[in-house]
Amino acid sequence: MEFLDVVFNRRTTNGAFRPDPVSPEHQQLLIRAAAAAPSQFNSQPWRFVLIEDRDTIETVARISGESMTEVMGAGTFFDRYKKYFRFSQKEMDTLRSGMLFDKLPALLRPFTSRAFTPSGQNLMNRLRVPQTLGEENRKLVAGSPLLIGVMLERGEYRPDELSGFYSVFSMGAAMENLWLTTVELGMGIQFVSFPMEAPHQWQRIVDMLHVPEDLELMAVYRLGYVPERTHRPAIDWSSRERKRPSQYVFRETCETPQQGWDQDVRPGSH
């Protein structure tokens, strides 16, 4: 696969993986690709923990499902991220960002028009919608053959200092390398994000992984091989929509949007 094909075919995997374990060779290649990323003064502030133990994965899955139920039941999730939710193709075509929820599962369709209102939240809770969604999330994470925890050295990760920016920037580059490598290997990857929405739940994962004091657990990802045939999930936490270059690129100064680049110029496109 050509490099630019890998870049433009990068995906977030929202569905199930094949049950096959990730081969040791592929695990090593993923980490080597991550470690090839740039870092300030070659500090290489990242650390990784690879998790294949079924009991540990099941526990992380339970924590993730419980976290989703908790934050959706409290309404904090919708309050925090409602600006990214799109409920029509017209809205998505205009904004070209966020997530399009055009195929909501049956249990959520009655709440589309009032998803962010107190009455809608109360009704969802009475119908135990957060519990249903949390259980689906648990199953998804539990079916993952591999989890990867990403950590940063606390000596480098100082959020109030410039070095903190450098370390997070380096971690992002490392994870992008790893993410792109999954495309080459026929694998998928997804951020296990819901435990981070509930700090006490995130701490359970930190404790379970015995993260030492000199490291900060930054993220956990689920990985596996992608089935040949996949179906778009009812709740699709991904989007291929991208803003037009004229919406985010400027020429010479920030007062002049780039013109003439809005057409698709990917390799092989017409």
Protein backbone atom coordinates (compact mmCIF):
# COMPACT_ATOMS: atom_id res chain seq x y z
CA MET A 1 0.00 0.00 0.00
CA GLU A 2 1.32 3.44 -0.94
CA PHE A 3 1.93 5.86 1.91
CA LEU A 4 -0.69 8.40 0.84
CA ASP A 5 -3.22 5.59 0.44
CA VAL A 6 -2.57 4.71 4.08
CA VAL A 7 -3.04 8.33 5.16
CA PHE A 8 -6.31 8.80 3.32
CA ASN A 9 -7.67 5.39 4.37
CA ARG A 10 -7.05 5.92 8.07
CA ARG A 11 -10.18 5.12 10.07
CA THR A 12 -11.49 4.88 13.59
CA THR A 13 -12.95 1.41 14.08
CA ASN A 14 -16.31 1.63 15.84
CA GLY A 15 -17.39 -1.93 15.29
CA ALA A 16 -16.22 -5.33 16.43
CA PHE A 17 -12.81 -6.83 15.66
CA ARG A 18 -12.04 -10.38 14.62
CA PRO A 19 -11.31 -12.56 17.65
CA ASP A 20 -7.82 -13.45 16.38
CA PRO A 21 -5.00 -12.34 18.69
CA VAL A 22 -2.70 -9.67 17.32
CA SER A 23 0.51 -11.40 16.31
CA PRO A 24 3.68 -10.61 18.28
CA GLU A 25 5.30 -9.44 15.05
CA HIS A 26 2.54 -6.92 14.44
CA GLN A 27 2.59 -5.75 18.04
CA GLN A 28 6.31 -5.12 17.78
CA LEU A 29 5.91 -3.30 14.46
CA LEU A 30 3.21 -1.04 15.89
CA ILE A 31 5.42 -0.01 18.80
CA ARG A 32 8.50 0.45 16.62
CA ALA A 33 6.47 2.71 14.32
CA ALA A 34 5.28 4.74 17.30
CA ALA A 35 8.81 5.07 18.65
CA ALA A 36 10.02 6.46 15.30
CA ALA A 37 8.08 9.68 15.98
CA PRO A 38 9.90 12.96 16.61
CA SER A 39 10.34 14.36 20.13
CA GLN A 40 12.04 17.43 21.58
CA PHE A 41 15.77 16.77 22.13
CA ASN A 42 15.00 13.12 21.31
CA SER A 43 13.41 12.87 24.77
CA GLN A 44 11.06 10.03 23.68
CA PRO A 45 8.69 10.72 26.59
CA TRP A 46 6.20 8.00 25.70
CA ARG A 47 5.72 4.63 27.37
CA PHE A 48 3.33 1.86 26.34
CA VAL A 49 1.65 -1.01 28.13
CA LEU A 50 0.24 -3.82 25.95
CA ILE A 51 -2.68 -5.75 27.42
CA GLU A 52 -3.84 -9.16 26.20
CA ASP A 53 -4.95 -10.73 29.48
CA ARG A 54 -8.65 -11.48 29.14
CA ASP A 55 -9.49 -10.68 32.76
CA THR A 56 -7.85 -7.27 32.47
CA ILE A 57 -9.59 -6.50 29.17
CA GLU A 58 -12.94 -7.57 30.65
CA THR A 59 -12.36 -5.29 33.64
CA VAL A 60 -11.46 -2.32 31.43
CA ALA A 61 -14.59 -3.10 29.39
CA ARG A 62 -16.78 -3.05 32.51
CA ILE A 63 -15.24 0.25 33.61
CA SER A 64 -15.81 1.71 30.14
CA GLY A 65 -19.44 0.59 30.05
CA GLU A 66 -20.10 1.88 33.55
CA SER A 67 -18.45 5.18 32.67
CA MET A 68 -20.61 5.61 29.59
CA THR A 69 -23.75 4.88 31.61
CA GLU A 70 -22.66 7.33 34.30
CA VAL A 71 -21.81 10.32 32.11
CA MET A 72 -24.78 9.84 29.79
CA GLY A 73 -27.13 9.40 32.71
CA ALA A 74 -25.87 12.58 34.33
CA GLY A 75 -26.17 14.54 31.10
CA THR A 76 -22.58 15.77 31.31
CA PHE A 77 -21.58 14.00 28.10
CA PHE A 78 -24.22 15.74 26.00
CA ASP A 79 -23.53 19.10 27.63
CA ARG A 80 -19.82 18.81 26.90
CA TYR A 81 -19.98 17.61 23.31
CA LYS A 82 -23.32 18.73 21.86
CA LYS A 83 -21.60 21.25 19.59
CA TYR A 84 -20.12 18.30 17.64
CA PHE A 85 -23.40 16.41 17.03
CA ARG A 86 -25.10 16.66 13.64
CA PHE A 87 -28.56 15.19 13.05
CA SER A 88 -29.02 15.88 9.33
CA GLN A 89 -26.91 15.66 6.20
CA LYS A 90 -27.71 19.30 5.48
CA GLU A 91 -26.18 20.36 8.80
CA MET A 92 -23.11 18.23 8.13
CA ASP A 93 -22.71 19.61 4.61
CA THR A 94 -22.72 23.13 6.02
CA LEU A 95 -20.36 22.63 8.95
CA ARG A 96 -18.28 19.70 7.58
CA SER A 97 -17.14 18.72 11.08
CA GLY A 98 -18.42 16.72 14.02
CA MET A 99 -20.37 13.45 13.97
CA LEU A 100 -23.44 12.73 11.85
CA PHE A 101 -26.04 10.74 13.77
CA ASP A 102 -28.33 9.93 10.86
CA LYS A 103 -28.93 6.26 11.71
CA LEU A 104 -29.68 6.34 15.41
CA PRO A 105 -30.79 3.07 16.99
CA ALA A 106 -34.51 2.75 17.67
CA LEU A 107 -34.19 3.48 21.38
CA LEU A 108 -32.64 6.91 20.68
CA ARG A 109 -34.79 8.14 17.80
CA PRO A 110 -37.54 9.61 20.03
CA PHE A 111 -34.93 11.87 21.65
CA THR A 112 -33.36 13.34 18.51
CA SER A 113 -35.21 16.65 18.68
CA ARG A 114 -34.73 17.12 22.42
CA ALA A 115 -31.52 15.27 23.16
CA PHE A 116 -30.09 18.24 25.02
CA THR A 117 -33.13 19.25 27.04
CA PRO A 118 -33.84 18.31 30.69
CA SER A 119 -37.09 16.58 29.71
CA GLY A 120 -35.32 14.50 27.08
CA GLN A 121 -32.59 13.53 29.54
CA ASN A 122 -35.13 12.54 32.18
CA LEU A 123 -37.05 10.38 29.73
CA MET A 124 -33.86 8.65 28.53
CA ASN A 125 -32.97 7.88 32.12
CA ARG A 126 -36.42 6.48 32.90
CA LEU A 127 -36.14 4.20 29.89
CA ARG A 128 -32.61 3.18 30.97
CA VAL A 129 -31.09 4.28 27.68
CA PRO A 130 -27.69 5.07 29.31
CA GLN A 131 -27.56 1.53 30.73
CA THR A 132 -28.35 0.02 27.33
CA LEU A 133 -25.67 2.07 25.61
CA GLY A 134 -23.18 1.32 28.38
CA GLU A 135 -23.71 -2.41 27.94
CA GLU A 136 -23.11 -2.12 24.20
CA ASN A 137 -19.91 -0.23 24.91
CA ARG A 138 -18.80 -2.91 27.37
CA LYS A 139 -19.32 -5.65 24.78
CA LEU A 140 -17.35 -3.72 22.18
CA VAL A 141 -14.32 -3.19 24.40
CA ALA A 142 -14.51 -6.73 25.80
CA GLY A 143 -14.29 -8.14 22.27
CA SER A 144 -10.93 -6.48 21.66
CA PRO A 145 -7.92 -8.83 21.44
CA LEU A 146 -5.46 -6.08 22.40
CA LEU A 147 -5.46 -2.88 24.45
CA ILE A 148 -2.62 -0.38 24.48
CA GLY A 149 -2.15 2.13 27.26
CA VAL A 150 -0.11 5.23 26.38
CA MET A 151 1.81 7.04 29.12
CA LEU A 152 4.06 10.07 29.39
CA GLU A 153 6.96 10.71 31.71
CA ARG A 154 5.79 13.18 34.35
CA GLY A 155 9.19 14.85 34.18
CA GLU A 156 8.36 15.83 30.60
CA TYR A 157 4.59 16.14 30.90
CA ARG A 158 4.15 19.39 32.82
CA PRO A 159 0.88 20.91 31.55
CA ASP A 160 1.71 24.44 32.71
CA GLU A 161 5.12 24.51 31.02
CA LEU A 162 6.27 24.51 27.42
CA SER A 163 7.81 21.07 27.86
CA GLY A 164 4.29 19.80 28.55
CA PHE A 165 3.22 20.89 25.10
CA TYR A 166 6.26 19.29 23.52
CA SER A 167 5.59 15.97 25.24
CA VAL A 168 1.93 15.84 24.24
CA PHE A 169 2.84 16.86 20.68
CA SER A 170 5.37 14.02 20.56
CA MET A 171 2.84 11.53 21.92
CA GLY A 172 0.38 12.60 19.23
CA ALA A 173 2.99 12.00 16.55
CA ALA A 174 3.79 8.59 18.01
CA MET A 175 0.14 7.56 18.09
CA GLU A 176 -0.42 8.79 14.54
CA ASN A 177 2.48 6.60 13.40
CA LEU A 178 0.93 3.65 15.21
CA TRP A 179 -2.54 4.45 13.86
CA LEU A 180 -1.33 4.62 10.26
CA THR A 181 0.50 1.33 10.70
CA THR A 182 -2.79 -0.39 11.62
CA VAL A 183 -4.05 0.46 8.13
CA GLU A 184 -1.08 -1.30 6.54
CA LEU A 185 -1.63 -4.36 8.76
CA GLY A 186 -5.36 -4.72 8.14
CA MET A 187 -6.10 -3.69 11.69
CA GLY A 188 -8.40 -1.20 13.36
CA ILE A 189 -8.05 1.04 16.40
CA GLN A 190 -10.36 3.05 18.64
CA PHE A 191 -9.86 5.32 21.64
CA VAL A 192 -11.45 3.94 24.84
CA SER A 193 -12.49 7.39 25.98
CA PHE A 194 -15.45 7.08 28.33
CA PRO A 195 -13.47 6.23 31.50
CA MET A 196 -11.63 9.54 31.08
CA GLU A 197 -14.98 11.35 31.31
CA ALA A 198 -15.32 10.07 34.90
CA PRO A 199 -11.99 10.62 36.73
CA HIS A 200 -12.70 8.12 39.51
CA GLN A 201 -13.29 5.45 36.87
CA TRP A 202 -10.07 6.39 35.08
CA GLN A 203 -8.20 6.01 38.37
CA ARG A 204 -9.42 2.41 38.58
CA ILE A 205 -7.62 1.67 35.31
CA VAL A 206 -4.49 3.50 36.48
CA ASP A 207 -4.44 1.41 39.65
CA MET A 208 -5.14 -1.86 37.84
CA LEU A 209 -2.25 -1.26 35.43
CA HIS A 210 0.10 -0.35 38.30
CA VAL A 211 1.12 2.87 36.58
CA PRO A 212 4.11 4.20 38.58
CA GLU A 213 4.18 7.69 40.07
CA ASP A 214 6.64 8.97 37.49
CA LEU A 215 4.28 8.19 34.59
CA GLU A 216 0.91 9.66 33.59
CA LEU A 217 -1.59 7.38 31.83
CA MET A 218 -2.82 9.50 28.94
CA ALA A 219 -5.02 7.18 26.89
CA VAL A 220 -6.12 3.60 26.27
CA TYR A 221 -6.86 2.22 22.80
CA ARG A 222 -8.51 -0.99 21.62
CA LEU A 223 -7.00 -2.77 18.62
CA GLY A 224 -7.62 -5.82 16.50
CA TYR A 225 -7.92 -7.16 12.98
CA VAL A 226 -10.85 -5.79 10.99
CA PRO A 227 -13.38 -8.25 9.50
CA GLU A 228 -13.62 -8.38 5.73
CA ARG A 229 -17.23 -7.25 5.89
CA THR A 230 -18.23 -4.54 8.31
CA HIS A 231 -21.47 -2.75 8.98
CA ARG A 232 -21.72 0.84 10.02
CA PRO A 233 -22.66 0.94 13.73
CA ALA A 234 -25.97 2.49 14.74
CA ILE A 235 -24.05 5.06 16.78
CA ASP A 236 -21.10 5.93 14.58
CA TRP A 237 -18.42 7.81 16.55
CA SER A 238 -16.46 8.62 13.41
CA SER A 239 -16.79 10.84 10.38
CA ARG A 240 -15.05 11.09 7.03
CA GLU A 241 -16.26 14.65 6.53
CA ARG A 242 -13.49 17.23 6.50
CA LYS A 243 -13.63 21.00 6.34
CA ARG A 244 -12.80 22.55 3.01
CA PRO A 245 -9.24 23.95 2.84
CA SER A 246 -10.67 27.44 2.46
CA GLN A 247 -12.14 27.00 5.96
CA TYR A 248 -8.84 26.31 7.68
CA VAL A 249 -5.94 27.36 5.41
CA PHE A 250 -4.79 30.95 4.94
CA ARG A 251 -2.34 32.52 2.52
CA GLU A 252 0.31 35.00 3.72
CA THR A 253 -1.84 36.33 6.58
CA CYS A 254 -4.82 34.99 8.52
CA GLU A 255 -7.03 37.51 6.71
CA THR A 256 -6.81 35.69 3.37
CA PRO A 257 -8.39 32.21 3.07
CA GLN A 258 -6.75 29.85 0.62
CA GLN A 259 -8.63 29.71 -2.66
CA GLY A 260 -8.73 27.00 -5.33
CA TRP A 261 -7.99 24.01 -3.08
CA ASP A 262 -11.51 22.95 -2.17
CA GLN A 263 -11.75 20.34 -4.90
CA ASP A 264 -10.64 16.81 -4.02
CA VAL A 265 -6.99 16.40 -5.07
CA ARG A 266 -6.19 13.10 -3.40
CA PRO A 267 -4.10 10.68 -5.48
CA GLY A 268 -6.34 8.89 -7.94
CA SER A 269 -9.30 11.23 -7.46
CA HIS A 270 -11.07 12.87 -10.38
